[in-house]
Amino acid sequence: MKHQLDITQEHCPMTFVRTKLKLAQMAKGDTLEVLLSEGEPLNNVPRSASEQGFKVLAVEHVEGKTHRVLIEK
């Protein structure tokens, strides 16, 4: 199942906190599409997700300062 989370208006450390809370609600094998801003969120969310044992499938630019990170639980 695919889930979505828009944290483009959030700032660190809340960006990964919100991402981790959403991942906790998901089943193993589900994917989470996270929309976030460049800078700290883009640097921290994929790295922190990997460190927590989640699989980062993709990091891609959407438009402007918005990026998409695809994470598998």
N, C-alpha and C. Protein backbone atom coordinates (compact mmCIF):
# COMPACT_ATOMS: atom_id res chain seq x y z
N MET A 1 0.84 -1.17 0.00
CA MET A 1 0.00 0.00 0.00
C MET A 1 0.89 1.24 0.00
N LYS A 2 0.45 2.26 -0.71
CA LYS A 2 1.24 3.49 -0.81
C LYS A 2 0.60 4.58 0.05
N HIS A 3 1.43 5.25 0.85
CA HIS A 3 0.99 6.32 1.72
C HIS A 3 1.68 7.61 1.31
N GLN A 4 1.10 8.76 1.67
CA GLN A 4 1.70 10.05 1.35
C GLN A 4 1.78 10.91 2.59
N LEU A 5 2.81 11.76 2.63
CA LEU A 5 3.01 12.69 3.73
C LEU A 5 3.64 13.96 3.16
N ASP A 6 3.00 15.10 3.41
CA ASP A 6 3.53 16.38 2.95
C ASP A 6 4.09 17.13 4.16
N ILE A 7 5.41 17.25 4.21
CA ILE A 7 6.05 17.97 5.31
C ILE A 7 6.81 19.19 4.78
N THR A 8 6.34 19.73 3.66
CA THR A 8 7.02 20.88 3.05
C THR A 8 6.97 22.11 3.95
N GLN A 9 6.00 22.19 4.86
CA GLN A 9 5.88 23.35 5.76
C GLN A 9 6.54 23.10 7.11
N GLU A 10 7.10 21.90 7.32
CA GLU A 10 7.71 21.54 8.60
C GLU A 10 9.20 21.88 8.60
N HIS A 11 9.76 22.01 9.80
CA HIS A 11 11.18 22.29 9.97
C HIS A 11 11.80 21.21 10.84
N CYS A 12 13.09 20.96 10.67
CA CYS A 12 13.79 19.98 11.49
C CYS A 12 13.75 20.42 12.94
N PRO A 13 13.60 19.52 13.89
CA PRO A 13 13.61 18.06 13.74
C PRO A 13 12.23 17.45 13.46
N MET A 14 11.20 18.28 13.34
CA MET A 14 9.84 17.75 13.15
C MET A 14 9.67 16.99 11.83
N THR A 15 10.51 17.26 10.85
CA THR A 15 10.36 16.58 9.57
C THR A 15 10.51 15.07 9.73
N PHE A 16 11.55 14.62 10.42
CA PHE A 16 11.72 13.17 10.58
C PHE A 16 10.78 12.62 11.64
N VAL A 17 10.44 13.41 12.65
CA VAL A 17 9.48 12.95 13.67
C VAL A 17 8.16 12.62 13.00
N ARG A 18 7.66 13.51 12.15
CA ARG A 18 6.39 13.26 11.44
C ARG A 18 6.53 12.05 10.51
N THR A 19 7.67 11.93 9.83
CA THR A 19 7.91 10.80 8.92
C THR A 19 7.92 9.49 9.71
N LYS A 20 8.61 9.48 10.83
CA LYS A 20 8.72 8.26 11.63
C LYS A 20 7.36 7.85 12.22
N LEU A 21 6.56 8.82 12.65
CA LEU A 21 5.22 8.52 13.17
C LEU A 21 4.35 7.90 12.08
N LYS A 22 4.45 8.42 10.88
CA LYS A 22 3.66 7.87 9.76
C LYS A 22 4.12 6.45 9.44
N LEU A 23 5.43 6.23 9.41
CA LEU A 23 5.96 4.89 9.13
C LEU A 23 5.52 3.89 10.19
N ALA A 24 5.40 4.33 11.44
CA ALA A 24 4.97 3.45 12.53
C ALA A 24 3.55 2.95 12.33
N GLN A 25 2.73 3.70 11.62
CA GLN A 25 1.33 3.33 11.37
C GLN A 25 1.17 2.39 10.17
N MET A 26 2.24 2.20 9.43
CA MET A 26 2.18 1.43 8.18
C MET A 26 2.57 -0.03 8.40
N ALA A 27 2.15 -0.87 7.45
CA ALA A 27 2.52 -2.28 7.48
C ALA A 27 3.87 -2.48 6.79
N LYS A 28 4.58 -3.53 7.18
CA LYS A 28 5.86 -3.86 6.55
C LYS A 28 5.64 -4.07 5.05
N GLY A 29 6.51 -3.48 4.24
CA GLY A 29 6.39 -3.60 2.78
C GLY A 29 5.65 -2.43 2.14
N ASP A 30 4.92 -1.64 2.96
CA ASP A 30 4.24 -0.46 2.43
C ASP A 30 5.28 0.60 2.06
N THR A 31 4.89 1.51 1.17
CA THR A 31 5.78 2.61 0.80
C THR A 31 5.17 3.93 1.22
N LEU A 32 6.06 4.86 1.55
CA LEU A 32 5.66 6.21 1.96
C LEU A 32 6.31 7.21 1.04
N GLU A 33 5.48 8.04 0.40
CA GLU A 33 5.97 9.13 -0.43
C GLU A 33 5.96 10.40 0.42
N VAL A 34 7.14 10.94 0.68
CA VAL A 34 7.27 12.13 1.52
C VAL A 34 7.64 13.32 0.64
N LEU A 35 6.82 14.37 0.70
CA LEU A 35 7.15 15.61 0.01
C LEU A 35 7.80 16.53 1.04
N LEU A 36 8.99 17.03 0.71
CA LEU A 36 9.72 17.88 1.65
C LEU A 36 10.49 18.96 0.92
N SER A 37 11.00 19.90 1.68
CA SER A 37 11.76 21.01 1.12
C SER A 37 13.24 20.69 1.08
N GLU A 38 13.95 21.40 0.18
CA GLU A 38 15.40 21.20 0.11
C GLU A 38 16.05 21.76 1.36
N GLY A 39 17.32 21.46 1.53
CA GLY A 39 18.05 21.92 2.71
C GLY A 39 18.07 20.82 3.76
N GLU A 40 17.90 21.23 5.03
CA GLU A 40 17.97 20.26 6.13
C GLU A 40 17.01 19.09 5.99
N PRO A 41 15.72 19.31 5.67
CA PRO A 41 14.82 18.16 5.54
C PRO A 41 15.29 17.17 4.48
N LEU A 42 15.74 17.67 3.34
CA LEU A 42 16.20 16.79 2.26
C LEU A 42 17.46 16.04 2.66
N ASN A 43 18.32 16.66 3.45
CA ASN A 43 19.53 15.99 3.92
C ASN A 43 19.24 14.98 5.02
N ASN A 44 18.36 15.35 5.95
CA ASN A 44 18.14 14.56 7.15
C ASN A 44 17.15 13.40 7.02
N VAL A 45 16.03 13.61 6.34
CA VAL A 45 14.98 12.57 6.30
C VAL A 45 15.49 11.28 5.64
N PRO A 46 16.07 11.32 4.43
CA PRO A 46 16.55 10.06 3.84
C PRO A 46 17.65 9.39 4.69
N ARG A 47 18.57 10.19 5.21
CA ARG A 47 19.65 9.63 6.03
C ARG A 47 19.10 8.99 7.30
N SER A 48 18.22 9.69 7.99
CA SER A 48 17.64 9.18 9.23
C SER A 48 16.80 7.94 8.98
N ALA A 49 16.05 7.92 7.88
CA ALA A 49 15.24 6.75 7.55
C ALA A 49 16.14 5.53 7.34
N SER A 50 17.23 5.71 6.62
CA SER A 50 18.18 4.60 6.40
C SER A 50 18.79 4.13 7.71
N GLU A 51 19.17 5.08 8.56
CA GLU A 51 19.77 4.74 9.85
C GLU A 51 18.79 3.97 10.74
N GLN A 52 17.49 4.21 10.56
CA GLN A 52 16.46 3.54 11.36
C GLN A 52 16.06 2.19 10.76
N GLY A 53 16.69 1.81 9.64
CA GLY A 53 16.43 0.50 9.05
C GLY A 53 15.39 0.48 7.95
N PHE A 54 14.93 1.66 7.51
CA PHE A 54 13.99 1.73 6.40
C PHE A 54 14.75 1.81 5.09
N LYS A 55 14.11 1.40 4.00
CA LYS A 55 14.76 1.40 2.69
C LYS A 55 14.35 2.65 1.90
N VAL A 56 15.31 3.49 1.57
CA VAL A 56 15.04 4.68 0.77
C VAL A 56 15.12 4.26 -0.70
N LEU A 57 13.97 4.27 -1.38
CA LEU A 57 13.90 3.79 -2.76
C LEU A 57 14.24 4.86 -3.78
N ALA A 58 13.92 6.12 -3.47
CA ALA A 58 14.17 7.20 -4.44
C ALA A 58 14.19 8.55 -3.74
N VAL A 59 14.98 9.45 -4.29
CA VAL A 59 14.98 10.85 -3.88
C VAL A 59 14.97 11.63 -5.19
N GLU A 60 13.91 12.40 -5.42
CA GLU A 60 13.81 13.11 -6.70
C GLU A 60 13.25 14.52 -6.52
N HIS A 61 13.65 15.40 -7.42
CA HIS A 61 13.19 16.78 -7.43
C HIS A 61 11.80 16.82 -8.05
N VAL A 62 10.88 17.55 -7.43
CA VAL A 62 9.53 17.69 -7.96
C VAL A 62 9.43 19.01 -8.71
N GLU A 63 9.50 20.13 -7.98
CA GLU A 63 9.53 21.46 -8.59
C GLU A 63 9.93 22.48 -7.56
N GLY A 64 10.54 23.56 -8.01
CA GLY A 64 10.98 24.59 -7.07
C GLY A 64 11.89 24.02 -6.01
N LYS A 65 11.52 24.21 -4.74
CA LYS A 65 12.32 23.70 -3.63
C LYS A 65 11.75 22.39 -3.08
N THR A 66 10.76 21.81 -3.76
CA THR A 66 10.10 20.60 -3.27
C THR A 66 10.73 19.34 -3.87
N HIS A 67 10.95 18.36 -3.01
CA HIS A 67 11.51 17.08 -3.40
C HIS A 67 10.61 15.95 -2.89
N ARG A 68 10.75 14.78 -3.49
CA ARG A 68 9.99 13.59 -3.10
C ARG A 68 10.97 12.52 -2.66
N VAL A 69 10.70 11.91 -1.51
CA VAL A 69 11.50 10.80 -1.01
C VAL A 69 10.55 9.61 -0.89
N LEU A 70 10.91 8.49 -1.48
CA LEU A 70 10.10 7.28 -1.40
C LEU A 70 10.80 6.31 -0.46
N ILE A 71 10.08 5.92 0.61
CA ILE A 71 10.64 5.07 1.66
C ILE A 71 9.80 3.81 1.80
N GLU A 72 10.46 2.66 1.87
CA GLU A 72 9.75 1.40 2.10
C GLU A 72 9.97 0.98 3.54
N LYS A 73 8.85 0.58 4.18
CA LYS A 73 8.97 0.12 5.57
C LYS A 73 9.42 -1.31 5.59
